[in-house]
PDB file of N, CA and C in Angstrom:
ATOM      1  N   MET A   1     -43.442  63.669  -9.142  1.00  0.00           N
ATOM      2  CA  MET A   1     -42.356  64.288  -9.110  1.00  0.00           C
ATOM      3  C   MET A   1     -41.626  65.217  -9.863  1.00  0.00           C
ATOM      4  N   LYS A   2     -41.151  66.407 -10.061  1.00  0.00           N
ATOM      5  CA  LYS A   2     -40.860  66.845 -11.269  1.00  0.00           C
ATOM      6  C   LYS A   2     -39.384  67.277 -11.218  1.00  0.00           C
ATOM      7  N   THR A   3     -38.555  66.796 -11.748  1.00  0.00           N
ATOM      8  CA  THR A   3     -37.143  66.902 -11.726  1.00  0.00           C
ATOM      9  C   THR A   3     -36.715  68.769 -11.952  1.00  0.00           C
ATOM     10  N   GLU A   4     -35.568  68.551 -11.082  1.00  0.00           N
ATOM     11  CA  GLU A   4     -35.282  70.157 -10.817  1.00  0.00           C
ATOM     12  C   GLU A   4     -33.496  70.066 -10.954  1.00  0.00           C
ATOM     13  N   VAL A   5     -33.194  71.234 -11.544  1.00  0.00           N
ATOM     14  CA  VAL A   5     -31.522  71.193 -11.733  1.00  0.00           C
ATOM     15  C   VAL A   5     -31.106  72.583 -10.785  1.00  0.00           C
ATOM     16  N   ILE A   6     -30.553  72.123 -10.087  1.00  0.00           N
ATOM     17  CA  ILE A   6     -29.711  73.164  -8.987  1.00  0.00           C
ATOM     18  C   ILE A   6     -28.397  73.023  -8.985  1.00  0.00           C
ATOM     19  N   MET A   7     -27.832  74.360  -9.110  1.00  0.00           N
ATOM     20  CA  MET A   7     -26.545  74.649  -9.243  1.00  0.00           C
ATOM     21  C   MET A   7     -25.649  74.804  -7.948  1.00  0.00           C
ATOM     22  N   LEU A   8     -24.737  73.793  -7.168  1.00  0.00           N
ATOM     23  CA  LEU A   8     -24.540  74.385  -5.950  1.00  0.00           C
ATOM     24  C   LEU A   8     -22.839  74.794  -6.245  1.00  0.00           C
ATOM     25  N   PRO A   9     -22.244  75.299  -5.304  1.00  0.00           N
ATOM     26  CA  PRO A   9     -20.984  75.589  -5.165  1.00  0.00           C
ATOM     27  C   PRO A   9     -20.024  74.105  -4.938  1.00  0.00           C
ATOM     28  N   ALA A  10     -19.030  73.895  -5.454  1.00  0.00           N
ATOM     29  CA  ALA A  10     -18.089  72.766  -5.514  1.00  0.00           C
ATOM     30  C   ALA A  10     -18.067  72.221  -3.855  1.00  0.00           C
ATOM     31  N   PHE A  11     -18.049  71.294  -3.774  1.00  0.00           N
ATOM     32  CA  PHE A  11     -17.737  70.606  -2.272  1.00  0.00           C
ATOM     33  C   PHE A  11     -17.084  69.584  -2.596  1.00  0.00           C
ATOM     34  N   LEU A  12     -17.030  68.588  -1.599  1.00  0.00           N
ATOM     35  CA  LEU A  12     -16.744  67.088  -1.381  1.00  0.00           C
ATOM     36  C   LEU A  12     -17.265  66.181  -1.025  1.00  0.00           C
ATOM     37  N   VAL A  13     -17.441  65.085  -1.422  1.00  0.00           N
ATOM     38  CA  VAL A  13     -18.245  64.155  -0.701  1.00  0.00           C
ATOM     39  C   VAL A  13     -17.223  63.062  -0.215  1.00  0.00           C
ATOM     40  N   VAL A  14     -17.737  62.639   1.132  1.00  0.00           N
ATOM     41  CA  VAL A  14     -17.063  61.732   2.477  1.00  0.00           C
ATOM     42  C   VAL A  14     -17.890  60.756   2.670  1.00  0.00           C
ATOM     43  N   GLY A  15     -17.732  59.628   2.654  1.00  0.00           N
ATOM     44  CA  GLY A  15     -18.416  58.619   3.182  1.00  0.00           C
ATOM     45  C   GLY A  15     -17.802  56.963   3.032  1.00  0.00           C
ATOM     46  N   ILE A  16     -18.743  56.456   3.138  1.00  0.00           N
ATOM     47  CA  ILE A  16     -18.311  54.526   3.029  1.00  0.00           C
ATOM     48  C   ILE A  16     -19.083  54.207   1.720  1.00  0.00           C
ATOM     49  N   GLN A  17     -17.756  53.649   0.995  1.00  0.00           N
ATOM     50  CA  GLN A  17     -18.329  52.847  -0.410  1.00  0.00           C
ATOM     51  C   GLN A  17     -18.559  51.705  -0.498  1.00  0.00           C
ATOM     52  N   ILE A  18     -19.343  50.853  -0.847  1.00  0.00           N
ATOM     53  CA  ILE A  18     -19.626  49.629  -0.735  1.00  0.00           C
ATOM     54  C   ILE A  18     -20.035  49.422  -2.409  1.00  0.00           C
ATOM     55  N   GLU A  19     -19.653  48.312  -2.889  1.00  0.00           N
ATOM     56  CA  GLU A  19     -20.016  47.278  -3.991  1.00  0.00           C
ATOM     57  C   GLU A  19     -21.031  45.987  -4.195  1.00  0.00           C
ATOM     58  N   ALA A  20     -22.190  46.380  -4.430  1.00  0.00           N
ATOM     59  CA  ALA A  20     -22.966  45.241  -3.710  1.00  0.00           C
ATOM     60  C   ALA A  20     -24.407  44.830  -5.115  1.00  0.00           C
ATOM     61  N   ASN A  21     -24.516  44.231  -5.268  1.00  0.00           N
ATOM     62  CA  ASN A  21     -26.140  43.896  -6.154  1.00  0.00           C
ATOM     63  C   ASN A  21     -27.338  43.908  -5.077  1.00  0.00           C
ATOM     64  N   VAL A  22     -28.208  43.990  -6.423  1.00  0.00           N
ATOM     65  CA  VAL A  22     -29.699  44.709  -5.374  1.00  0.00           C
ATOM     66  C   VAL A  22     -29.660  43.567  -4.140  1.00  0.00           C
ATOM     67  N   GLU A  23     -29.847  42.371  -4.350  1.00  0.00           N
ATOM     68  CA  GLU A  23     -30.050  41.469  -3.131  1.00  0.00           C
ATOM     69  C   GLU A  23     -28.982  41.510  -1.962  1.00  0.00           C
ATOM     70  N   ALA A  24     -27.858  41.513  -2.168  1.00  0.00           N
ATOM     71  CA  ALA A  24     -26.798  42.281  -0.909  1.00  0.00           C
ATOM     72  C   ALA A  24     -27.361  43.239  -0.513  1.00  0.00           C
ATOM     73  N   PHE A  25     -27.925  44.678  -1.166  1.00  0.00           N
ATOM     74  CA  PHE A  25     -27.990  45.632  -0.607  1.00  0.00           C
ATOM     75  C   PHE A  25     -29.138  46.062  -0.005  1.00  0.00           C
ATOM     76  N   GLU A  26     -30.149  45.398  -0.510  1.00  0.00           N
ATOM     77  CA  GLU A  26     -31.538  45.010   0.195  1.00  0.00           C
ATOM     78  C   GLU A  26     -31.252  44.162   1.762  1.00  0.00           C
ATOM     79  N   SER A  27     -30.232  43.091   1.693  1.00  0.00           N
ATOM     80  CA  SER A  27     -29.862  42.308   2.910  1.00  0.00           C
ATOM     81  C   SER A  27     -29.626  42.701   4.193  1.00  0.00           C
ATOM     82  N   GLY A  28     -28.981  44.176   3.778  1.00  0.00           N
ATOM     83  CA  GLY A  28     -28.264  44.787   5.121  1.00  0.00           C
ATOM     84  C   GLY A  28     -27.297  45.497   4.447  1.00  0.00           C
ATOM     85  N   ALA A  29     -26.555  45.208   4.004  1.00  0.00           N
ATOM     86  CA  ALA A  29     -25.484  45.965   3.038  1.00  0.00           C
ATOM     87  C   ALA A  29     -25.352  47.337   3.119  1.00  0.00           C
ATOM     88  N   GLY A  30     -26.287  47.960   2.748  1.00  0.00           N
ATOM     89  CA  GLY A  30     -26.934  48.934   2.967  1.00  0.00           C
ATOM     90  C   GLY A  30     -27.033  49.826   4.313  1.00  0.00           C
ATOM     91  N   LYS A  31     -27.681  49.258   5.024  1.00  0.00           N
ATOM     92  CA  LYS A  31     -28.225  49.991   5.950  1.00  0.00           C
ATOM     93  C   LYS A  31     -26.766  49.992   6.616  1.00  0.00           C
ATOM     94  N   MET A  32     -25.820  48.736   6.921  1.00  0.00           N
ATOM     95  CA  MET A  32     -24.423  48.500   7.717  1.00  0.00           C
ATOM     96  C   MET A  32     -23.896  49.522   7.220  1.00  0.00           C
ATOM     97  N   ALA A  33     -23.642  50.112   6.302  1.00  0.00           N
ATOM     98  CA  ALA A  33     -22.650  50.899   6.362  1.00  0.00           C
ATOM     99  C   ALA A  33     -23.050  52.708   6.321  1.00  0.00           C
ATOM    100  N   PHE A  34     -24.359  52.594   6.119  1.00  0.00           N
ATOM    101  CA  PHE A  34     -25.134  53.809   6.887  1.00  0.00           C
ATOM    102  C   PHE A  34     -25.028  54.085   7.983  1.00  0.00           C
ATOM    103  N   ALA A  35     -25.310  53.051   9.076  1.00  0.00           N
ATOM    104  CA  ALA A  35     -24.833  52.567  10.364  1.00  0.00           C
ATOM    105  C   ALA A  35     -23.421  53.269  10.791  1.00  0.00           C
ATOM    106  N   SER A  36     -23.132  52.739   9.881  1.00  0.00           N
ATOM    107  CA  SER A  36     -20.894  52.800  10.209  1.00  0.00           C
ATOM    108  C   SER A  36     -20.787  54.213  10.164  1.00  0.00           C
ATOM    109  N   LEU A  37     -21.539  54.788   8.898  1.00  0.00           N
ATOM    110  CA  LEU A  37     -21.185  56.269   8.784  1.00  0.00           C
ATOM    111  C   LEU A  37     -21.843  56.788   9.826  1.00  0.00           C
ATOM    112  N   LEU A  38     -22.549  56.724  10.055  1.00  0.00           N
ATOM    113  CA  LEU A  38     -23.809  57.564  11.108  1.00  0.00           C
ATOM    114  C   LEU A  38     -22.662  57.817  12.644  1.00  0.00           C
ATOM    115  N   ASP A  39     -22.565  56.725  12.676  1.00  0.00           N
ATOM    116  CA  ASP A  39     -21.706  56.631  14.159  1.00  0.00           C
ATOM    117  C   ASP A  39     -20.035  57.400  14.071  1.00  0.00           C
ATOM    118  N   ARG A  40     -19.351  57.295  12.510  1.00  0.00           N
ATOM    119  CA  ARG A  40     -18.268  57.994  12.600  1.00  0.00           C
ATOM    120  C   ARG A  40     -18.635  59.264  12.352  1.00  0.00           C
ATOM    121  N   LYS A  41     -19.548  59.565  11.927  1.00  0.00           N
ATOM    122  CA  LYS A  41     -19.709  61.222  11.539  1.00  0.00           C
ATOM    123  C   LYS A  41     -18.877  62.047  12.194  1.00  0.00           C
ATOM    124  N   HIS A  42     -18.588  62.002  13.806  1.00  0.00           N
ATOM    125  CA  HIS A  42     -18.043  63.454  14.453  1.00  0.00           C
ATOM    126  C   HIS A  42     -16.314  63.202  13.941  1.00  0.00           C
ATOM    127  N   GLU A  43     -16.252  62.117  13.187  1.00  0.00           N
ATOM    128  CA  GLU A  43     -14.514  62.303  12.396  1.00  0.00           C
ATOM    129  C   GLU A  43     -14.248  62.986  11.273  1.00  0.00           C
ATOM    130  N   ILE A  44     -15.539  63.429  10.884  1.00  0.00           N
ATOM    131  CA  ILE A  44     -15.283  64.394   9.718  1.00  0.00           C
ATOM    132  C   ILE A  44     -15.364  66.123   9.677  1.00  0.00           C
ATOM    133  N   ARG A  45     -13.882  66.269   9.614  1.00  0.00           N
ATOM    134  CA  ARG A  45     -14.255  67.476  10.555  1.00  0.00           C
ATOM    135  C   ARG A  45     -14.415  68.984   8.986  1.00  0.00           C
ATOM    136  N   PHE A  46     -14.573  69.837   9.752  1.00  0.00           N
ATOM    137  CA  PHE A  46     -15.424  71.223   9.062  1.00  0.00           C
ATOM    138  C   PHE A  46     -16.497  70.401   8.364  1.00  0.00           C
ATOM    139  N   ARG A  47     -17.339  69.667   8.682  1.00  0.00           N
ATOM    140  CA  ARG A  47     -18.891  69.369   7.969  1.00  0.00           C
ATOM    141  C   ARG A  47     -19.475  70.395   8.292  1.00  0.00           C
ATOM    142  N   LYS A  48     -20.657  70.833   7.332  1.00  0.00           N
ATOM    143  CA  LYS A  48     -21.526  71.699   7.316  1.00  0.00           C
ATOM    144  C   LYS A  48     -22.788  71.472   8.150  1.00  0.00           C
ATOM    145  N   ASN A  49     -23.042  70.400   8.242  1.00  0.00           N
ATOM    146  CA  ASN A  49     -24.349  70.071   9.077  1.00  0.00           C
ATOM    147  C   ASN A  49     -24.149  68.657   9.670  1.00  0.00           C
ATOM    148  N   ASP A  50     -25.533  68.095  10.175  1.00  0.00           N
ATOM    149  CA  ASP A  50     -25.463  66.859  10.326  1.00  0.00           C
ATOM    150  C   ASP A  50     -25.804  65.691   9.405  1.00  0.00           C
ATOM    151  N   HIS A  51     -26.493  66.022   8.297  1.00  0.00           N
ATOM    152  CA  HIS A  51     -27.284  65.513   7.542  1.00  0.00           C
ATOM    153  C   HIS A  51     -26.315  64.237   6.792  1.00  0.00           C
ATOM    154  N   ILE A  52     -26.650  62.913   6.520  1.00  0.00           N
ATOM    155  CA  ILE A  52     -26.124  62.210   6.202  1.00  0.00           C
ATOM    156  C   ILE A  52     -27.742  61.608   5.174  1.00  0.00           C
ATOM    157  N   ILE A  53     -26.522  61.424   3.826  1.00  0.00           N
ATOM    158  CA  ILE A  53     -27.246  60.853   2.804  1.00  0.00           C
ATOM    159  C   ILE A  53     -26.725  59.310   2.224  1.00  0.00           C
ATOM    160  N   LEU A  54     -27.595  59.005   1.404  1.00  0.00           N
ATOM    161  CA  LEU A  54     -27.274  57.780   0.741  1.00  0.00           C
ATOM    162  C   LEU A  54     -27.271  57.887  -0.810  1.00  0.00           C
ATOM    163  N   MET A  55     -26.203  58.086  -1.026  1.00  0.00           N
ATOM    164  CA  MET A  55     -25.883  58.192  -2.743  1.00  0.00           C
ATOM    165  C   MET A  55     -25.548  56.788  -3.132  1.00  0.00           C
ATOM    166  N   GLN A  56     -26.225  56.493  -4.922  1.00  0.00           N
ATOM    167  CA  GLN A  56     -26.081  55.239  -5.583  1.00  0.00           C
ATOM    168  C   GLN A  56     -25.647  55.987  -6.959  1.00  0.00           C
ATOM    169  N   THR A  57     -24.517  54.317  -7.088  1.00  0.00           N
ATOM    170  CA  THR A  57     -23.911  55.358  -8.497  1.00  0.00           C
ATOM    171  C   THR A  57     -24.166  54.262  -9.547  1.00  0.00           C
ATOM    172  N   TYR A  58     -24.586  54.110 -10.465  1.00  0.00           N
ATOM    173  CA  TYR A  58     -24.863  52.308 -11.546  1.00  0.00           C
ATOM    174  C   TYR A  58     -23.560  52.881 -12.216  1.00  0.00           C
ATOM    175  N   PRO A  59     -23.075  51.661 -12.824  1.00  0.00           N
ATOM    176  CA  PRO A  59     -21.765  51.832 -13.723  1.00  0.00           C
ATOM    177  C   PRO A  59     -22.752  51.340 -15.129  1.00  0.00           C
ATOM    178  N   LEU A  60     -22.232  51.791 -15.865  1.00  0.00           N
ATOM    179  CA  LEU A  60     -22.628  51.980 -17.165  1.00  0.00           C
ATOM    180  C   LEU A  60     -21.528  51.106 -18.173  1.00  0.00           C
ATOM    181  N   GLY A  61     -22.213  50.319 -19.079  1.00  0.00           N
ATOM    182  CA  GLY A  61     -21.334  49.567 -19.910  1.00  0.00           C
ATOM    183  C   GLY A  61     -21.647  48.041 -19.758  1.00  0.00           C
ATOM    184  N   PRO A  62     -21.565  47.399 -21.116  1.00  0.00           N
ATOM    185  CA  PRO A  62     -21.689  45.564 -21.323  1.00  0.00           C
ATOM    186  C   PRO A  62     -20.801  44.899 -20.457  1.00  0.00           C
ATOM    187  N   GLU A  63     -19.740  45.514 -19.413  1.00  0.00           N
ATOM    188  CA  GLU A  63     -19.061  44.752 -19.074  1.00  0.00           C
ATOM    189  C   GLU A  63     -19.577  44.367 -17.186  1.00  0.00           C
ATOM    190  N   ASN A  64     -20.526  45.326 -16.909  1.00  0.00           N
ATOM    191  CA  ASN A  64     -21.223  45.866 -15.650  1.00  0.00           C
ATOM    192  C   ASN A  64     -22.524  44.874 -15.826  1.00  0.00           C
ATOM    193  N   GLU A  65     -22.750  44.022 -14.573  1.00  0.00           N
ATOM    194  CA  GLU A  65     -23.794  43.284 -14.948  1.00  0.00           C
ATOM    195  C   GLU A  65     -24.825  44.404 -14.487  1.00  0.00           C
ATOM    196  N   ILE A  66     -26.356  44.696 -14.434  1.00  0.00           N
ATOM    197  CA  ILE A  66     -27.405  45.628 -14.738  1.00  0.00           C
ATOM    198  C   ILE A  66     -27.840  45.855 -13.405  1.00  0.00           C
ATOM    199  N   ASP A  67     -27.331  45.015 -12.350  1.00  0.00           N
ATOM    200  CA  ASP A  67     -28.133  44.850 -10.880  1.00  0.00           C
ATOM    201  C   ASP A  67     -26.649  45.067 -10.415  1.00  0.00           C
ATOM    202  N   ILE A  68     -25.733  45.591 -10.627  1.00  0.00           N
ATOM    203  CA  ILE A  68     -24.490  45.984  -9.562  1.00  0.00           C
ATOM    204  C   ILE A  68     -24.542  47.534  -9.655  1.00  0.00           C
ATOM    205  N   TYR A  69     -24.131  48.231  -8.118  1.00  0.00           N
ATOM    206  CA  TYR A  69     -24.125  49.625  -7.998  1.00  0.00           C
ATOM    207  C   TYR A  69     -23.444  49.630  -7.161  1.00  0.00           C
ATOM    208  N   VAL A  70     -22.711  50.867  -6.858  1.00  0.00           N
ATOM    209  CA  VAL A  70     -21.692  51.487  -5.909  1.00  0.00           C
ATOM    210  C   VAL A  70     -22.537  52.105  -4.827  1.00  0.00           C
ATOM    211  N   ALA A  71     -23.046  51.837  -3.705  1.00  0.00           N
ATOM    212  CA  ALA A  71     -23.636  52.827  -2.452  1.00  0.00           C
ATOM    213  C   ALA A  71     -22.808  53.953  -1.614  1.00  0.00           C
ATOM    214  N   LEU A  72     -22.818  54.901  -1.958  1.00  0.00           N
ATOM    215  CA  LEU A  72     -21.682  55.970  -1.125  1.00  0.00           C
ATOM    216  C   LEU A  72     -22.664  56.576   0.343  1.00  0.00           C
ATOM    217  N   SER A  73     -22.856  55.762   1.534  1.00  0.00           N
ATOM    218  CA  SER A  73     -23.206  56.587   2.406  1.00  0.00           C
ATOM    219  C   SER A  73     -22.450  58.028   3.104  1.00  0.00           C
TER     220      SER A  73
END
C-alpha cells in the first residue's frame, strides 16, 4: 500500500469519543461506540453523506502508556 497525501477543504468531524486500551477496545468498546453512532447518525445535521468511519489517535509522550489510544467513531 502506497501512502498518498490529499488536500481537502476544511470540515468538521462529529462523533463519539472513547478512550481505551487495546484489550478494552478489542473486547467490544469500539464496536459499541460505532453502533451507537450508526444508530444516531440521523441527528447529525448537514452531513454530506452516510459514511461512518473509525478514527484512532494515539497519544504521544512518556506519560501515556503505549497501548492507550482514543477512538472517534
